[in-house]
């Protein structure tokens, strides 16, 4: 029985699971605000804390299943496909060319594979519900906006490990500043923080995305406008993806996807406007049903295949 550990590192959470094929046998989650950590402390201090917390979480999983043979990590950043180094992480500022795989392998004495978090989530979704022989494009709407493409049954990284960085496609030239250094990126409008910014600009009041969704459910116009902007911004990018990739299945995941009902109409209106006639009604927009376990499964499965 081959077991692998999958680790899903986000801006605010750390999830760890022991996986056999696509079944999670053990799972634990920790609140881990790595984004704030990187903003408050020098890069080296923040990095050592990220390593410490990740090692501790993985060690707990190993205690439960000591027979695990490899570890896969999904990390929110640009991963060099040759060196395995994390070149940069827009939502974890200050981290550049850090060696997460090497640091963990040294301390845990197991092989470690690191890949972009959205790409491993895409792989997990494909393994759980993808159609054999068909591509799957995944967009994760959470603290940031990430993307992943599964083509030919395998994750597509691009030549430099930065394929499908859809969150940093520009939807509003000269718009909101983004952690990547550009302005007007999708991430600033269709992520959870993006929705809070939209609502604050409209109302003058800062509220959590959860609270804004509650207001939207009651018909609050400013809350609905905030989600509509997220939906239309997302559709601009999805239309480009469809025109470039001609992909049939596009799956939306991440916490913000649970508010899809407030984004859907604005999304569909913009998508219909932006697509060329030959591609209209050719793609399926799907919402993840994995309960955010896809990242763990995808990371573990990559590790088992390495």
Protein backbone atom coordinates (compact mmCIF):
# COMPACT_ATOMS: atom_id res chain seq x y z
CA UNK A 1 0.00 0.00 0.00
CA UNK A 2 1.71 3.18 -1.23
CA UNK A 3 0.93 6.22 0.85
CA UNK A 4 1.95 9.81 0.22
CA UNK A 5 1.47 13.02 2.12
CA UNK A 6 -0.14 15.98 0.39
CA UNK A 7 0.35 19.47 1.80
CA UNK A 8 -1.70 22.45 0.65
CA UNK A 9 -0.12 25.73 1.75
CA UNK A 10 -2.31 28.79 1.37
CA UNK A 11 -2.08 32.39 2.42
CA UNK A 12 -4.02 31.72 5.62
CA UNK A 13 -4.25 27.93 6.04
CA UNK A 14 -2.07 24.85 6.08
CA UNK A 15 -3.72 21.54 5.17
CA UNK A 16 -2.04 18.15 5.41
CA UNK A 17 -3.34 14.75 4.38
CA UNK A 18 -2.15 11.17 4.02
CA UNK A 19 -3.39 9.88 0.68
CA UNK A 20 -3.69 6.52 -1.05
CA UNK A 21 -4.45 7.06 -4.74
CA UNK A 22 -7.28 9.63 -4.44
CA UNK A 23 -8.51 8.67 -0.96
CA UNK A 24 -7.55 10.78 2.05
CA UNK A 25 -6.90 8.48 5.00
CA UNK A 26 -5.90 11.21 7.45
CA UNK A 27 -6.31 14.97 7.33
CA UNK A 28 -5.47 17.87 9.59
CA UNK A 29 -5.69 21.62 9.16
CA UNK A 30 -3.95 24.50 10.85
CA UNK A 31 -4.62 28.24 10.76
CA UNK A 32 -1.34 29.61 9.40
CA UNK A 33 -1.38 33.22 8.26
CA UNK A 34 1.78 33.03 6.18
CA UNK A 35 0.76 36.13 4.25
CA UNK A 36 0.77 38.32 7.37
CA UNK A 37 3.93 36.59 8.58
CA UNK A 38 5.78 37.59 5.43
CA UNK A 39 4.54 41.17 5.68
CA UNK A 40 5.55 41.58 9.34
CA UNK A 41 8.98 39.94 9.44
CA UNK A 42 12.18 39.93 7.36
CA UNK A 43 12.14 37.26 4.62
CA UNK A 44 14.60 34.90 6.34
CA UNK A 45 12.73 35.03 9.65
CA UNK A 46 9.38 34.44 7.92
CA UNK A 47 10.82 31.61 5.84
CA UNK A 48 12.21 29.76 8.86
CA UNK A 49 8.81 30.02 10.56
CA UNK A 50 7.05 28.67 7.46
CA UNK A 51 9.50 25.74 7.42
CA UNK A 52 9.04 25.11 11.14
CA UNK A 53 5.25 25.07 10.97
CA UNK A 54 5.19 22.91 7.83
CA UNK A 55 7.64 20.37 9.25
CA UNK A 56 5.62 20.13 12.46
CA UNK A 57 2.37 19.55 10.58
CA UNK A 58 3.91 16.87 8.35
CA UNK A 59 5.52 15.13 11.33
CA UNK A 60 2.09 14.78 12.93
CA UNK A 61 0.83 13.05 9.78
CA UNK A 62 3.86 10.74 9.71
CA UNK A 63 3.17 9.71 13.30
CA UNK A 64 -0.30 8.59 12.21
CA UNK A 65 1.01 6.77 9.10
CA UNK A 66 4.76 6.09 9.39
CA UNK A 67 4.69 4.06 6.15
CA UNK A 68 4.37 7.15 3.92
CA UNK A 69 6.99 7.19 1.17
CA UNK A 70 6.91 10.72 -0.29
CA UNK A 71 5.61 14.24 0.31
CA UNK A 72 4.00 16.59 -2.20
CA UNK A 73 3.56 20.30 -1.52
CA UNK A 74 1.26 22.80 -3.19
CA UNK A 75 2.72 26.27 -2.62
CA UNK A 76 1.33 29.68 -3.69
CA UNK A 77 4.15 30.88 -5.91
CA UNK A 78 6.18 30.52 -9.08
CA UNK A 79 8.08 27.22 -9.00
CA UNK A 80 11.14 26.76 -11.23
CA UNK A 81 10.59 23.41 -13.02
CA UNK A 82 14.33 22.66 -13.18
CA UNK A 83 15.67 23.70 -9.78
CA UNK A 84 12.42 23.30 -7.82
CA UNK A 85 13.07 26.64 -6.13
CA UNK A 86 10.20 28.96 -5.31
CA UNK A 87 11.19 31.96 -7.42
CA UNK A 88 8.58 34.35 -6.05
CA UNK A 89 5.24 34.41 -4.24
CA UNK A 90 3.14 37.56 -4.82
CA UNK A 91 0.96 36.87 -1.79
CA UNK A 92 3.90 35.94 0.45
CA UNK A 93 6.08 39.00 -0.16
CA UNK A 94 9.83 38.84 0.26
CA UNK A 95 10.24 35.14 -0.52
CA UNK A 96 12.57 34.67 -3.48
CA UNK A 97 14.47 31.57 -4.65
CA UNK A 98 13.75 29.61 -1.48
CA UNK A 99 14.19 25.84 -1.37
CA UNK A 100 11.14 24.36 0.33
CA UNK A 101 11.67 20.86 -1.10
CA UNK A 102 15.29 20.74 0.05
CA UNK A 103 14.53 22.15 3.49
CA UNK A 104 11.75 19.67 4.16
CA UNK A 105 13.57 16.68 2.69
CA UNK A 106 16.57 17.37 4.92
CA UNK A 107 14.50 17.52 8.09
CA UNK A 108 11.99 14.78 7.30
CA UNK A 109 14.27 12.36 5.45
CA UNK A 110 11.72 11.71 2.71
CA UNK A 111 11.53 12.73 -0.96
CA UNK A 112 9.68 16.03 -1.40
CA UNK A 113 8.10 17.51 -4.54
CA UNK A 114 6.92 21.14 -4.64
CA UNK A 115 4.53 22.55 -7.23
CA UNK A 116 2.27 25.58 -7.58
CA UNK A 117 -0.78 25.27 -5.33
CA UNK A 118 -3.33 25.97 -8.05
CA UNK A 119 -1.69 23.45 -10.37
CA UNK A 120 -1.81 20.65 -7.79
CA UNK A 121 -5.43 21.58 -7.05
CA UNK A 122 -6.14 21.33 -10.77
CA UNK A 123 -4.53 17.89 -10.83
CA UNK A 124 -6.53 16.79 -7.81
CA UNK A 125 -9.77 17.95 -9.41
CA UNK A 126 -8.85 16.13 -12.63
CA UNK A 127 -8.14 12.92 -10.73
CA UNK A 128 -11.43 13.22 -8.86
CA UNK A 129 -13.78 14.19 -11.67
CA UNK A 130 -11.91 14.94 -14.88
CA UNK A 131 -12.82 13.36 -18.18
CA UNK A 132 -10.05 11.10 -19.58
CA UNK A 133 -8.72 12.48 -22.83
CA UNK A 134 -10.04 15.99 -22.19
CA UNK A 135 -8.20 18.96 -20.79
CA UNK A 136 -9.21 20.71 -17.59
CA UNK A 137 -8.54 24.34 -16.74
CA UNK A 138 -8.82 25.19 -13.05
CA UNK A 139 -9.13 28.62 -11.44
CA UNK A 140 -8.86 28.89 -7.66
CA UNK A 141 -10.58 31.90 -6.10
CA UNK A 142 -9.28 32.40 -2.57
CA UNK A 143 -6.79 34.69 -0.86
CA UNK A 144 -5.38 35.09 -4.37
CA UNK A 145 -6.42 33.81 -7.78
CA UNK A 146 -4.44 30.91 -9.20
CA UNK A 147 -4.80 28.67 -12.20
CA UNK A 148 -3.76 25.27 -13.44
CA UNK A 149 -4.06 23.35 -16.69
CA UNK A 150 -4.20 19.58 -17.05
CA UNK A 151 -3.41 18.60 -20.62
CA UNK A 152 -2.91 15.05 -21.85
CA UNK A 153 -3.64 13.81 -18.35
CA UNK A 154 -0.66 15.65 -16.86
CA UNK A 155 -0.14 19.04 -15.20
CA UNK A 156 1.18 21.67 -17.60
CA UNK A 157 3.82 23.90 -15.98
CA UNK A 158 5.11 25.86 -18.96
CA UNK A 159 8.80 26.28 -19.79
CA UNK A 160 9.51 28.37 -16.69
CA UNK A 161 6.98 26.91 -14.25
CA UNK A 162 4.67 29.92 -14.47
CA UNK A 163 1.92 28.71 -16.80
CA UNK A 164 -1.70 29.67 -16.02
CA UNK A 165 -0.97 32.61 -13.74
CA UNK A 166 -4.46 33.81 -14.51
CA UNK A 167 -4.69 35.91 -11.37
CA UNK A 168 -2.13 38.26 -12.87
CA UNK A 169 -3.82 38.79 -16.20
CA UNK A 170 -4.85 42.43 -16.35
CA UNK A 171 -8.59 43.11 -16.49
CA UNK A 172 -8.46 46.82 -15.64
CA UNK A 173 -5.38 48.57 -17.10
CA UNK A 174 -4.04 51.08 -14.58
CA UNK A 175 -6.40 49.70 -11.93
CA UNK A 176 -5.74 48.46 -8.42
CA UNK A 177 -2.09 47.79 -7.50
CA UNK A 178 -1.19 44.11 -7.20
CA UNK A 179 1.47 42.27 -5.22
CA UNK A 180 3.05 41.10 -8.48
CA UNK A 181 4.02 44.68 -9.31
CA UNK A 182 1.37 45.34 -11.97
CA UNK A 183 -1.95 47.13 -11.75
CA UNK A 184 -5.47 45.93 -12.50
CA UNK A 185 -4.82 42.18 -12.18
CA UNK A 186 -7.76 39.79 -11.90
CA UNK A 187 -6.61 38.90 -8.38
CA UNK A 188 -7.49 42.39 -7.18
CA UNK A 189 -11.15 41.94 -8.18
CA UNK A 190 -12.06 38.23 -8.08
CA UNK A 191 -10.28 37.07 -4.92
CA UNK A 192 -11.73 37.22 -1.42
CA UNK A 193 -9.67 40.35 -0.58
CA UNK A 194 -10.67 41.79 -3.97
CA UNK A 195 -14.36 41.56 -3.06
CA UNK A 196 -13.71 43.25 0.29
CA UNK A 197 -11.90 46.07 -1.52
CA UNK A 198 -14.78 46.49 -3.94
CA UNK A 199 -17.30 46.65 -1.11
CA UNK A 200 -15.20 49.10 0.88
CA UNK A 201 -14.86 51.38 -2.15
CA UNK A 202 -18.63 51.35 -2.64
CA UNK A 203 -19.74 51.61 0.98
CA UNK A 204 -16.81 53.12 2.87
CA UNK A 205 -17.01 50.16 5.27
CA UNK A 206 -14.60 47.22 5.56
CA UNK A 207 -16.32 43.85 5.97
CA UNK A 208 -15.15 40.25 5.59
CA UNK A 209 -16.09 38.40 2.44
CA UNK A 210 -18.30 36.11 4.51
CA UNK A 211 -20.25 39.09 5.83
CA UNK A 212 -20.53 40.59 2.34
CA UNK A 213 -21.93 37.27 1.08
CA UNK A 214 -24.48 37.33 3.91
CA UNK A 215 -25.55 40.82 2.84
CA UNK A 216 -25.74 39.70 -0.80
CA UNK A 217 -28.04 36.85 0.22
CA UNK A 218 -30.39 39.48 1.66
CA UNK A 219 -30.36 41.52 -1.53
CA UNK A 220 -27.95 44.25 -0.41
CA UNK A 221 -27.16 46.16 -3.61
CA UNK A 222 -23.59 47.17 -2.73
CA UNK A 223 -22.70 43.62 -1.75
CA UNK A 224 -24.21 42.31 -4.97
CA UNK A 225 -22.29 44.90 -7.00
CA UNK A 226 -19.04 43.74 -5.38
CA UNK A 227 -19.68 40.16 -6.44
CA UNK A 228 -20.87 41.23 -9.89
CA UNK A 229 -17.55 43.00 -10.46
CA UNK A 230 -15.75 39.81 -9.42
CA UNK A 231 -17.87 37.78 -11.84
CA UNK A 232 -17.44 40.06 -14.84
CA UNK A 233 -13.68 40.39 -14.21
CA UNK A 234 -13.35 36.62 -14.03
CA UNK A 235 -15.28 36.22 -17.29
CA UNK A 236 -12.83 38.48 -19.14
CA UNK A 237 -10.01 36.10 -18.25
CA UNK A 238 -12.01 32.92 -18.86
CA UNK A 239 -12.94 34.17 -22.34
CA UNK A 240 -9.26 34.64 -23.14
CA UNK A 241 -8.48 31.15 -21.81
CA UNK A 242 -11.14 29.58 -23.99
CA UNK A 243 -9.92 31.47 -27.07
CA UNK A 244 -6.30 30.47 -26.44
CA UNK A 245 -6.74 26.90 -25.20
CA UNK A 246 -10.10 25.80 -26.67
CA UNK A 247 -10.66 23.93 -23.41
CA UNK A 248 -14.10 22.46 -22.75
CA UNK A 249 -14.11 22.07 -18.97
CA UNK A 250 -13.27 25.01 -16.72
CA UNK A 251 -13.56 24.35 -13.03
CA UNK A 252 -13.77 27.04 -10.35
CA UNK A 253 -12.60 26.28 -6.82
CA UNK A 254 -11.41 28.06 -3.71
CA UNK A 255 -13.46 29.65 -0.96
CA UNK A 256 -14.91 32.44 -3.07
CA UNK A 257 -16.40 29.94 -5.54
CA UNK A 258 -18.98 29.15 -2.85
CA UNK A 259 -20.47 32.58 -3.56
CA UNK A 260 -20.87 31.73 -7.26
CA UNK A 261 -24.62 32.43 -7.22
CA UNK A 262 -23.86 36.13 -6.73
CA UNK A 263 -21.32 36.22 -9.56
CA UNK A 264 -22.87 33.91 -12.11
CA UNK A 265 -25.17 36.26 -14.01
CA UNK A 266 -22.55 38.99 -14.43
CA UNK A 267 -20.00 36.33 -15.39
CA UNK A 268 -22.22 34.80 -18.06
CA UNK A 269 -23.17 38.18 -19.52
CA UNK A 270 -19.52 39.21 -19.86
CA UNK A 271 -18.46 35.79 -21.17
CA UNK A 272 -21.13 35.86 -23.89
CA UNK A 273 -20.00 39.33 -24.86
CA UNK A 274 -16.31 38.46 -25.07
CA UNK A 275 -16.35 35.05 -26.77
CA UNK A 276 -16.16 34.69 -30.53
CA UNK A 277 -19.26 33.00 -32.04
CA UNK A 278 -17.43 29.77 -32.90
CA UNK A 279 -16.67 29.18 -29.21
CA UNK A 280 -19.92 30.23 -27.60
CA UNK A 281 -21.66 27.51 -25.58
CA UNK A 282 -18.73 25.14 -26.16
CA UNK A 283 -17.35 25.19 -22.61
CA UNK A 284 -18.65 23.93 -19.28
CA UNK A 285 -18.19 26.16 -16.24
CA UNK A 286 -18.10 23.83 -13.25
CA UNK A 287 -17.89 24.52 -9.51
CA UNK A 288 -15.63 22.33 -7.40
CA UNK A 289 -17.33 19.73 -5.22
CA UNK A 290 -14.13 18.51 -3.60
CA UNK A 291 -14.54 20.45 -0.37
CA UNK A 292 -11.05 21.97 -0.88
CA UNK A 293 -9.38 18.54 -0.68
CA UNK A 294 -8.19 18.62 -4.29
CA UNK A 295 -4.93 20.35 -3.41
CA UNK A 296 -4.01 17.66 -0.92
CA UNK A 297 -4.87 14.86 -3.35
CA UNK A 298 -3.07 16.46 -6.30
CA UNK A 299 0.09 17.16 -4.30
CA UNK A 300 0.20 13.64 -2.86
CA UNK A 301 -0.40 12.01 -6.23
CA UNK A 302 2.39 14.06 -7.84
CA UNK A 303 4.73 12.93 -5.08
CA UNK A 304 3.78 9.29 -5.59
CA UNK A 305 4.55 9.57 -9.32
CA UNK A 306 7.89 11.37 -8.95
